[in-house]
């Protein structure tokens, strides 16, 4: 049986990755990031929040190369050009 560290919807909260790194590596076998890195209500024009979150996510991914990443509906909304709540133009 595998022990899984799940990182839930991030929604422009890069500190979630900091919290995940505080969990010792011997307490889980795999990391799954559920996506929804972007979009948060009331932050549509906060480009800095997007930049900080995406940079921190990339850094986390480089440090945890075996982690598994999922697209969330807020992530694919940009690929599909389909606005979700909290979407930033």
PDB file of N, CA and C in Angstrom:
ATOM      1  N   UNK A   1       0.842  -1.167   0.000  1.00  0.00           N
ATOM      2  CA  UNK A   1       0.000   0.000   0.000  1.00  0.00           C
ATOM      3  C   UNK A   1       0.894   1.239   0.000  1.00  0.00           C
ATOM      4  N   UNK A   2       0.581   2.175  -0.866  1.00  0.00           N
ATOM      5  CA  UNK A   2       1.358   3.412  -0.960  1.00  0.00           C
ATOM      6  C   UNK A   2       0.769   4.493  -0.068  1.00  0.00           C
ATOM      7  N   UNK A   3       1.651   5.316   0.456  1.00  0.00           N
ATOM      8  CA  UNK A   3       1.233   6.503   1.212  1.00  0.00           C
ATOM      9  C   UNK A   3       1.330   7.686   0.265  1.00  0.00           C
ATOM     10  N   UNK A   4       0.236   8.421   0.146  1.00  0.00           N
ATOM     11  CA  UNK A   4       0.138   9.479  -0.849  1.00  0.00           C
ATOM     12  C   UNK A   4       0.003  10.837  -0.166  1.00  0.00           C
ATOM     13  N   UNK A   5       0.850  11.765  -0.571  1.00  0.00           N
ATOM     14  CA  UNK A   5       0.720  13.161  -0.150  1.00  0.00           C
ATOM     15  C   UNK A   5      -0.033  13.875  -1.262  1.00  0.00           C
ATOM     16  N   UNK A   6      -1.219  14.364  -0.943  1.00  0.00           N
ATOM     17  CA  UNK A   6      -2.054  15.050  -1.929  1.00  0.00           C
ATOM     18  C   UNK A   6      -1.993  16.549  -1.668  1.00  0.00           C
ATOM     19  N   UNK A   7      -1.658  17.288  -2.706  1.00  0.00           N
ATOM     20  CA  UNK A   7      -1.687  18.748  -2.636  1.00  0.00           C
ATOM     21  C   UNK A   7      -2.964  19.185  -3.340  1.00  0.00           C
ATOM     22  N   UNK A   8      -3.900  19.773  -2.601  1.00  0.00           N
ATOM     23  CA  UNK A   8      -5.202  20.120  -3.175  1.00  0.00           C
ATOM     24  C   UNK A   8      -5.127  21.362  -4.054  1.00  0.00           C
ATOM     25  N   UNK A   9      -6.273  21.804  -4.529  1.00  0.00           N
ATOM     26  CA  UNK A   9      -6.363  23.012  -5.349  1.00  0.00           C
ATOM     27  C   UNK A   9      -5.539  24.135  -4.721  1.00  0.00           C
ATOM     28  N   UNK A  10      -4.641  24.699  -5.498  1.00  0.00           N
ATOM     29  CA  UNK A  10      -3.734  25.731  -4.999  1.00  0.00           C
ATOM     30  C   UNK A  10      -4.375  27.125  -5.071  1.00  0.00           C
ATOM     31  N   UNK A  11      -5.001  27.451  -6.167  1.00  0.00           N
ATOM     32  CA  UNK A  11      -5.678  28.739  -6.355  1.00  0.00           C
ATOM     33  C   UNK A  11      -4.861  29.934  -5.844  1.00  0.00           C
ATOM     34  N   UNK A  12      -3.679  30.101  -6.449  1.00  0.00           N
ATOM     35  CA  UNK A  12      -2.808  31.255  -6.188  1.00  0.00           C
ATOM     36  C   UNK A  12      -2.320  31.344  -4.743  1.00  0.00           C
ATOM     37  N   UNK A  13      -2.095  30.199  -4.127  1.00  0.00           N
ATOM     38  CA  UNK A  13      -1.556  30.160  -2.761  1.00  0.00           C
ATOM     39  C   UNK A  13      -0.245  29.367  -2.772  1.00  0.00           C
ATOM     40  N   UNK A  14       0.847  30.010  -3.160  1.00  0.00           N
ATOM     41  CA  UNK A  14       2.114  29.284  -3.277  1.00  0.00           C
ATOM     42  C   UNK A  14       2.610  28.711  -1.961  1.00  0.00           C
ATOM     43  N   UNK A  15       2.142  29.239  -0.840  1.00  0.00           N
ATOM     44  CA  UNK A  15       2.561  28.734   0.466  1.00  0.00           C
ATOM     45  C   UNK A  15       2.148  27.277   0.681  1.00  0.00           C
ATOM     46  N   UNK A  16       1.200  26.795  -0.118  1.00  0.00           N
ATOM     47  CA  UNK A  16       0.794  25.388  -0.003  1.00  0.00           C
ATOM     48  C   UNK A  16       1.987  24.480  -0.294  1.00  0.00           C
ATOM     49  N   UNK A  17       2.829  24.870  -1.248  1.00  0.00           N
ATOM     50  CA  UNK A  17       4.013  24.070  -1.557  1.00  0.00           C
ATOM     51  C   UNK A  17       5.021  24.119  -0.405  1.00  0.00           C
ATOM     52  N   UNK A  18       5.113  25.256   0.272  1.00  0.00           N
ATOM     53  CA  UNK A  18       5.985  25.358   1.447  1.00  0.00           C
ATOM     54  C   UNK A  18       5.513  24.413   2.537  1.00  0.00           C
ATOM     55  N   UNK A  19       4.197  24.367   2.757  1.00  0.00           N
ATOM     56  CA  UNK A  19       3.625  23.467   3.765  1.00  0.00           C
ATOM     57  C   UNK A  19       3.923  22.015   3.408  1.00  0.00           C
ATOM     58  N   UNK A  20       3.782  21.671   2.133  1.00  0.00           N
ATOM     59  CA  UNK A  20       4.035  20.301   1.696  1.00  0.00           C
ATOM     60  C   UNK A  20       5.484  19.909   1.934  1.00  0.00           C
ATOM     61  N   UNK A  21       6.393  20.846   1.778  1.00  0.00           N
ATOM     62  CA  UNK A  21       7.811  20.527   1.968  1.00  0.00           C
ATOM     63  C   UNK A  21       8.166  20.326   3.436  1.00  0.00           C
ATOM     64  N   UNK A  22       7.313  20.741   4.329  1.00  0.00           N
ATOM     65  CA  UNK A  22       7.559  20.526   5.759  1.00  0.00           C
ATOM     66  C   UNK A  22       7.264  19.085   6.175  1.00  0.00           C
ATOM     67  N   UNK A  23       6.563  18.368   5.323  1.00  0.00           N
ATOM     68  CA  UNK A  23       6.237  16.969   5.602  1.00  0.00           C
ATOM     69  C   UNK A  23       7.451  16.128   5.207  1.00  0.00           C
ATOM     70  N   UNK A  24       7.919  15.310   6.101  1.00  0.00           N
ATOM     71  CA  UNK A  24       9.137  14.543   5.839  1.00  0.00           C
ATOM     72  C   UNK A  24       8.920  13.538   4.715  1.00  0.00           C
ATOM     73  N   UNK A  25       9.942  13.386   3.912  1.00  0.00           N
ATOM     74  CA  UNK A  25       9.854  12.523   2.731  1.00  0.00           C
ATOM     75  C   UNK A  25       9.629  11.057   3.071  1.00  0.00           C
ATOM     76  N   UNK A  26       9.971  10.643   4.267  1.00  0.00           N
ATOM     77  CA  UNK A  26       9.746   9.237   4.606  1.00  0.00           C
ATOM     78  C   UNK A  26       8.313   8.961   5.069  1.00  0.00           C
ATOM     79  N   UNK A  27       7.457   9.992   5.070  1.00  0.00           N
ATOM     80  CA  UNK A  27       6.067   9.788   5.487  1.00  0.00           C
ATOM     81  C   UNK A  27       5.122   9.607   4.289  1.00  0.00           C
ATOM     82  N   UNK A  28       5.652   9.615   3.061  1.00  0.00           N
ATOM     83  CA  UNK A  28       4.825   9.382   1.879  1.00  0.00           C
ATOM     84  C   UNK A  28       5.670   8.710   0.800  1.00  0.00           C
ATOM     85  N   UNK A  29       4.982   8.032  -0.102  1.00  0.00           N
ATOM     86  CA  UNK A  29       5.643   7.353  -1.213  1.00  0.00           C
ATOM     87  C   UNK A  29       5.526   8.122  -2.522  1.00  0.00           C
ATOM     88  N   UNK A  30       4.463   8.871  -2.656  1.00  0.00           N
ATOM     89  CA  UNK A  30       4.211   9.605  -3.896  1.00  0.00           C
ATOM     90  C   UNK A  30       3.487  10.906  -3.564  1.00  0.00           C
ATOM     91  N   UNK A  31       3.720  11.919  -4.403  1.00  0.00           N
ATOM     92  CA  UNK A  31       3.028  13.201  -4.279  1.00  0.00           C
ATOM     93  C   UNK A  31       2.120  13.365  -5.494  1.00  0.00           C
ATOM     94  N   UNK A  32       0.882  13.748  -5.242  1.00  0.00           N
ATOM     95  CA  UNK A  32      -0.049  14.058  -6.316  1.00  0.00           C
ATOM     96  C   UNK A  32      -0.527  15.491  -6.120  1.00  0.00           C
ATOM     97  N   UNK A  33      -0.346  16.308  -7.154  1.00  0.00           N
ATOM     98  CA  UNK A  33      -0.801  17.697  -7.143  1.00  0.00           C
ATOM     99  C   UNK A  33      -2.091  17.749  -7.966  1.00  0.00           C
ATOM    100  N   UNK A  34      -3.182  18.168  -7.338  1.00  0.00           N
ATOM    101  CA  UNK A  34      -4.486  18.111  -7.991  1.00  0.00           C
ATOM    102  C   UNK A  34      -4.761  19.245  -8.966  1.00  0.00           C
ATOM    103  N   UNK A  35      -3.850  20.182  -9.091  1.00  0.00           N
ATOM    104  CA  UNK A  35      -4.028  21.236 -10.087  1.00  0.00           C
ATOM    105  C   UNK A  35      -4.757  22.451  -9.545  1.00  0.00           C
ATOM    106  N   UNK A  36      -5.456  23.124 -10.451  1.00  0.00           N
ATOM    107  CA  UNK A  36      -6.075  24.406 -10.128  1.00  0.00           C
ATOM    108  C   UNK A  36      -5.052  25.338  -9.483  1.00  0.00           C
ATOM    109  N   UNK A  37      -3.924  25.467 -10.153  1.00  0.00           N
ATOM    110  CA  UNK A  37      -2.862  26.356  -9.664  1.00  0.00           C
ATOM    111  C   UNK A  37      -3.298  27.808  -9.727  1.00  0.00           C
ATOM    112  N   UNK A  38      -4.060  28.133 -10.735  1.00  0.00           N
ATOM    113  CA  UNK A  38      -4.412  29.528 -11.011  1.00  0.00           C
ATOM    114  C   UNK A  38      -5.820  29.858 -10.532  1.00  0.00           C
ATOM    115  N   UNK A  39      -6.135  31.112 -10.659  1.00  0.00           N
ATOM    116  CA  UNK A  39      -7.445  31.691 -10.370  1.00  0.00           C
ATOM    117  C   UNK A  39      -7.767  31.683  -8.875  1.00  0.00           C
ATOM    118  N   UNK A  40      -8.170  32.816  -8.419  1.00  0.00           N
ATOM    119  CA  UNK A  40      -8.733  32.968  -7.085  1.00  0.00           C
ATOM    120  C   UNK A  40      -9.640  34.174  -7.143  1.00  0.00           C
ATOM    121  N   UNK A  41     -10.705  34.102  -6.469  1.00  0.00           N
ATOM    122  CA  UNK A  41     -11.716  35.136  -6.540  1.00  0.00           C
ATOM    123  C   UNK A  41     -11.174  36.443  -5.988  1.00  0.00           C
ATOM    124  N   UNK A  42     -11.320  37.502  -6.758  1.00  0.00           N
ATOM    125  CA  UNK A  42     -10.843  38.816  -6.361  1.00  0.00           C
ATOM    126  C   UNK A  42      -9.382  39.074  -6.705  1.00  0.00           C
ATOM    127  N   UNK A  43      -8.705  38.130  -7.373  1.00  0.00           N
ATOM    128  CA  UNK A  43      -7.296  38.311  -7.716  1.00  0.00           C
ATOM    129  C   UNK A  43      -7.055  38.279  -9.221  1.00  0.00           C
ATOM    130  N   UNK A  44      -8.094  38.501  -9.989  1.00  0.00           N
ATOM    131  CA  UNK A  44      -7.992  38.415 -11.443  1.00  0.00           C
ATOM    132  C   UNK A  44      -6.949  39.322 -12.062  1.00  0.00           C
ATOM    133  N   UNK A  45      -6.672  40.455 -11.443  1.00  0.00           N
ATOM    134  CA  UNK A  45      -5.689  41.392 -11.986  1.00  0.00           C
ATOM    135  C   UNK A  45      -4.358  41.373 -11.242  1.00  0.00           C
ATOM    136  N   UNK A  46      -4.194  40.455 -10.325  1.00  0.00           N
ATOM    137  CA  UNK A  46      -2.976  40.373  -9.521  1.00  0.00           C
ATOM    138  C   UNK A  46      -1.949  39.480 -10.225  1.00  0.00           C
ATOM    139  N   UNK A  47      -1.284  40.042 -11.220  1.00  0.00           N
ATOM    140  CA  UNK A  47      -0.310  39.289 -12.021  1.00  0.00           C
ATOM    141  C   UNK A  47       0.805  38.739 -11.138  1.00  0.00           C
ATOM    142  N   UNK A  48       1.181  39.463 -10.095  1.00  0.00           N
ATOM    143  CA  UNK A  48       2.214  38.996  -9.180  1.00  0.00           C
ATOM    144  C   UNK A  48       1.833  37.691  -8.505  1.00  0.00           C
ATOM    145  N   UNK A  49       0.566  37.540  -8.142  1.00  0.00           N
ATOM    146  CA  UNK A  49       0.111  36.299  -7.509  1.00  0.00           C
ATOM    147  C   UNK A  49       0.239  35.127  -8.475  1.00  0.00           C
ATOM    148  N   UNK A  50      -0.080  35.359  -9.743  1.00  0.00           N
ATOM    149  CA  UNK A  50       0.073  34.313 -10.755  1.00  0.00           C
ATOM    150  C   UNK A  50       1.547  33.957 -10.927  1.00  0.00           C
ATOM    151  N   UNK A  51       2.383  34.971 -11.039  1.00  0.00           N
ATOM    152  CA  UNK A  51       3.826  34.756 -11.231  1.00  0.00           C
ATOM    153  C   UNK A  51       4.418  33.999 -10.054  1.00  0.00           C
ATOM    154  N   UNK A  52       4.124  34.432  -8.833  1.00  0.00           N
ATOM    155  CA  UNK A  52       4.669  33.783  -7.640  1.00  0.00           C
ATOM    156  C   UNK A  52       4.223  32.326  -7.548  1.00  0.00           C
ATOM    157  N   UNK A  53       2.959  32.084  -7.820  1.00  0.00           N
ATOM    158  CA  UNK A  53       2.427  30.723  -7.715  1.00  0.00           C
ATOM    159  C   UNK A  53       3.039  29.802  -8.757  1.00  0.00           C
ATOM    160  N   UNK A  54       3.095  30.256 -10.005  1.00  0.00           N
ATOM    161  CA  UNK A  54       3.633  29.399 -11.060  1.00  0.00           C
ATOM    162  C   UNK A  54       5.126  29.165 -10.888  1.00  0.00           C
ATOM    163  N   UNK A  55       5.859  30.165 -10.439  1.00  0.00           N
ATOM    164  CA  UNK A  55       7.294  29.969 -10.171  1.00  0.00           C
ATOM    165  C   UNK A  55       7.505  28.981  -9.031  1.00  0.00           C
ATOM    166  N   UNK A  56       6.706  29.097  -7.975  1.00  0.00           N
ATOM    167  CA  UNK A  56       6.848  28.181  -6.831  1.00  0.00           C
ATOM    168  C   UNK A  56       6.456  26.758  -7.221  1.00  0.00           C
ATOM    169  N   UNK A  57       5.424  26.622  -8.047  1.00  0.00           N
ATOM    170  CA  UNK A  57       5.013  25.301  -8.518  1.00  0.00           C
ATOM    171  C   UNK A  57       6.124  24.666  -9.355  1.00  0.00           C
ATOM    172  N   UNK A  58       6.743  25.451 -10.232  1.00  0.00           N
ATOM    173  CA  UNK A  58       7.836  24.933 -11.061  1.00  0.00           C
ATOM    174  C   UNK A  58       9.018  24.500 -10.202  1.00  0.00           C
ATOM    175  N   UNK A  59       9.336  25.305  -9.195  1.00  0.00           N
ATOM    176  CA  UNK A  59      10.426  24.968  -8.279  1.00  0.00           C
ATOM    177  C   UNK A  59      10.116  23.662  -7.543  1.00  0.00           C
ATOM    178  N   UNK A  60       8.892  23.520  -7.070  1.00  0.00           N
ATOM    179  CA  UNK A  60       8.480  22.305  -6.364  1.00  0.00           C
ATOM    180  C   UNK A  60       8.580  21.098  -7.297  1.00  0.00           C
ATOM    181  N   UNK A  61       8.132  21.256  -8.535  1.00  0.00           N
ATOM    182  CA  UNK A  61       8.207  20.162  -9.497  1.00  0.00           C
ATOM    183  C   UNK A  61       9.633  19.739  -9.805  1.00  0.00           C
ATOM    184  N   UNK A  62      10.544  20.698  -9.851  1.00  0.00           N
ATOM    185  CA  UNK A  62      11.950  20.371 -10.086  1.00  0.00           C
ATOM    186  C   UNK A  62      12.562  19.641  -8.893  1.00  0.00           C
ATOM    187  N   UNK A  63      12.111  19.990  -7.696  1.00  0.00           N
ATOM    188  CA  UNK A  63      12.613  19.338  -6.483  1.00  0.00           C
ATOM    189  C   UNK A  63      12.006  17.953  -6.279  1.00  0.00           C
ATOM    190  N   UNK A  64      10.814  17.751  -6.796  1.00  0.00           N
ATOM    191  CA  UNK A  64      10.082  16.492  -6.616  1.00  0.00           C
ATOM    192  C   UNK A  64       9.727  15.940  -7.994  1.00  0.00           C
ATOM    193  N   UNK A  65      10.741  15.423  -8.668  1.00  0.00           N
ATOM    194  CA  UNK A  65      10.578  15.022 -10.065  1.00  0.00           C
ATOM    195  C   UNK A  65       9.660  13.814 -10.244  1.00  0.00           C
ATOM    196  N   UNK A  66       9.418  13.065  -9.202  1.00  0.00           N
ATOM    197  CA  UNK A  66       8.536  11.900  -9.300  1.00  0.00           C
ATOM    198  C   UNK A  66       7.087  12.246  -8.965  1.00  0.00           C
ATOM    199  N   UNK A  67       6.803  13.513  -8.674  1.00  0.00           N
ATOM    200  CA  UNK A  67       5.435  13.907  -8.340  1.00  0.00           C
ATOM    201  C   UNK A  67       4.551  13.811  -9.585  1.00  0.00           C
ATOM    202  N   UNK A  68       3.284  13.575  -9.346  1.00  0.00           N
ATOM    203  CA  UNK A  68       2.301  13.466 -10.420  1.00  0.00           C
ATOM    204  C   UNK A  68       1.404  14.697 -10.374  1.00  0.00           C
ATOM    205  N   UNK A  69       1.195  15.314 -11.532  1.00  0.00           N
ATOM    206  CA  UNK A  69       0.445  16.570 -11.608  1.00  0.00           C
ATOM    207  C   UNK A  69      -0.792  16.380 -12.462  1.00  0.00           C
ATOM    208  N   UNK A  70      -1.912  16.871 -11.964  1.00  0.00           N
ATOM    209  CA  UNK A  70      -3.181  16.833 -12.689  1.00  0.00           C
ATOM    210  C   UNK A  70      -3.549  18.244 -13.127  1.00  0.00           C
ATOM    211  N   UNK A  71      -4.241  18.321 -14.246  1.00  0.00           N
ATOM    212  CA  UNK A  71      -4.841  19.590 -14.641  1.00  0.00           C
ATOM    213  C   UNK A  71      -6.154  19.734 -13.881  1.00  0.00           C
ATOM    214  N   UNK A  72      -6.393  20.919 -13.350  1.00  0.00           N
ATOM    215  CA  UNK A  72      -7.694  21.221 -12.772  1.00  0.00           C
ATOM    216  C   UNK A  72      -8.531  21.976 -13.785  1.00  0.00           C
ATOM    217  N   UNK A  73      -9.816  22.098 -13.501  1.00  0.00           N
ATOM    218  CA  UNK A  73     -10.692  22.805 -14.430  1.00  0.00           C
ATOM    219  C   UNK A  73     -10.262  24.259 -14.631  1.00  0.00           C
ATOM    220  N   UNK A  74      -9.656  24.872 -13.612  1.00  0.00           N
ATOM    221  CA  UNK A  74      -9.201  26.251 -13.772  1.00  0.00           C
ATOM    222  C   UNK A  74      -7.949  26.322 -14.641  1.00  0.00           C
ATOM    223  N   UNK A  75      -7.141  25.277 -14.629  1.00  0.00           N
ATOM    224  CA  UNK A  75      -5.955  25.252 -15.487  1.00  0.00           C
ATOM    225  C   UNK A  75      -6.341  25.075 -16.954  1.00  0.00           C
ATOM    226  N   UNK A  76      -7.212  24.112 -17.236  1.00  0.00           N
ATOM    227  CA  UNK A  76      -7.568  23.842 -18.631  1.00  0.00           C
ATOM    228  C   UNK A  76      -8.480  24.921 -19.205  1.00  0.00           C
ATOM    229  N   UNK A  77      -9.097  25.715 -18.342  1.00  0.00           N
ATOM    230  CA  UNK A  77      -9.958  26.775 -18.878  1.00  0.00           C
ATOM    231  C   UNK A  77      -9.168  27.743 -19.752  1.00  0.00           C
ATOM    232  N   UNK A  78      -7.874  27.897 -19.474  1.00  0.00           N
ATOM    233  CA  UNK A  78      -7.034  28.763 -20.307  1.00  0.00           C
ATOM    234  C   UNK A  78      -6.699  28.077 -21.635  1.00  0.00           C
ATOM    235  N   UNK A  79      -6.522  26.784 -21.599  1.00  0.00           N
ATOM    236  CA  UNK A  79      -6.252  26.046 -22.836  1.00  0.00           C
ATOM    237  C   UNK A  79      -7.490  25.993 -23.718  1.00  0.00           C
ATOM    238  N   UNK A  80      -8.641  25.875 -23.089  1.00  0.00           N
ATOM    239  CA  UNK A  80      -9.899  25.747 -23.824  1.00  0.00           C
ATOM    240  C   UNK A  80     -10.568  27.089 -24.067  1.00  0.00           C
ATOM    241  N   UNK A  81     -10.001  28.159 -23.523  1.00  0.00           N
ATOM    242  CA  UNK A  81     -10.602  29.490 -23.621  1.00  0.00           C
ATOM    243  C   UNK A  81     -12.060  29.466 -23.141  1.00  0.00           C
ATOM    244  N   UNK A  82     -12.242  28.835 -21.991  1.00  0.00           N
ATOM    245  CA  UNK A  82     -13.568  28.700 -21.380  1.00  0.00           C
ATOM    246  C   UNK A  82     -13.482  29.252 -19.964  1.00  0.00           C
ATOM    247  N   UNK A  83     -14.117  30.368 -19.740  1.00  0.00           N
ATOM    248  CA  UNK A  83     -13.994  31.053 -18.460  1.00  0.00           C
ATOM    249  C   UNK A  83     -14.620  30.247 -17.319  1.00  0.00           C
ATOM    250  N   UNK A  84     -13.841  30.069 -16.260  1.00  0.00           N
ATOM    251  CA  UNK A  84     -14.315  29.507 -15.008  1.00  0.00           C
ATOM    252  C   UNK A  84     -14.477  30.676 -14.036  1.00  0.00           C
ATOM    253  N   UNK A  85     -15.166  30.460 -12.933  1.00  0.00           N
ATOM    254  CA  UNK A  85     -15.241  31.524 -11.933  1.00  0.00           C
ATOM    255  C   UNK A  85     -13.838  31.821 -11.442  1.00  0.00           C
ATOM    256  N   UNK A  86     -13.530  33.074 -11.246  1.00  0.00           N
ATOM    257  CA  UNK A  86     -12.195  33.479 -10.830  1.00  0.00           C
ATOM    258  C   UNK A  86     -11.216  33.650 -11.983  1.00  0.00           C
ATOM    259  N   UNK A  87     -11.662  33.392 -13.201  1.00  0.00           N
ATOM    260  CA  UNK A  87     -10.823  33.464 -14.413  1.00  0.00           C
ATOM    261  C   UNK A  87     -10.212  34.868 -14.555  1.00  0.00           C
ATOM    262  N   UNK A  88      -8.981  34.906 -14.999  1.00  0.00           N
ATOM    263  CA  UNK A  88      -8.301  36.167 -15.208  1.00  0.00           C
ATOM    264  C   UNK A  88      -8.040  36.385 -16.690  1.00  0.00           C
ATOM    265  N   UNK A  89      -8.538  37.488 -17.203  1.00  0.00           N
ATOM    266  CA  UNK A  89      -8.300  37.770 -18.618  1.00  0.00           C
ATOM    267  C   UNK A  89      -6.866  38.187 -18.848  1.00  0.00           C
TER     268      UNK A  89
END
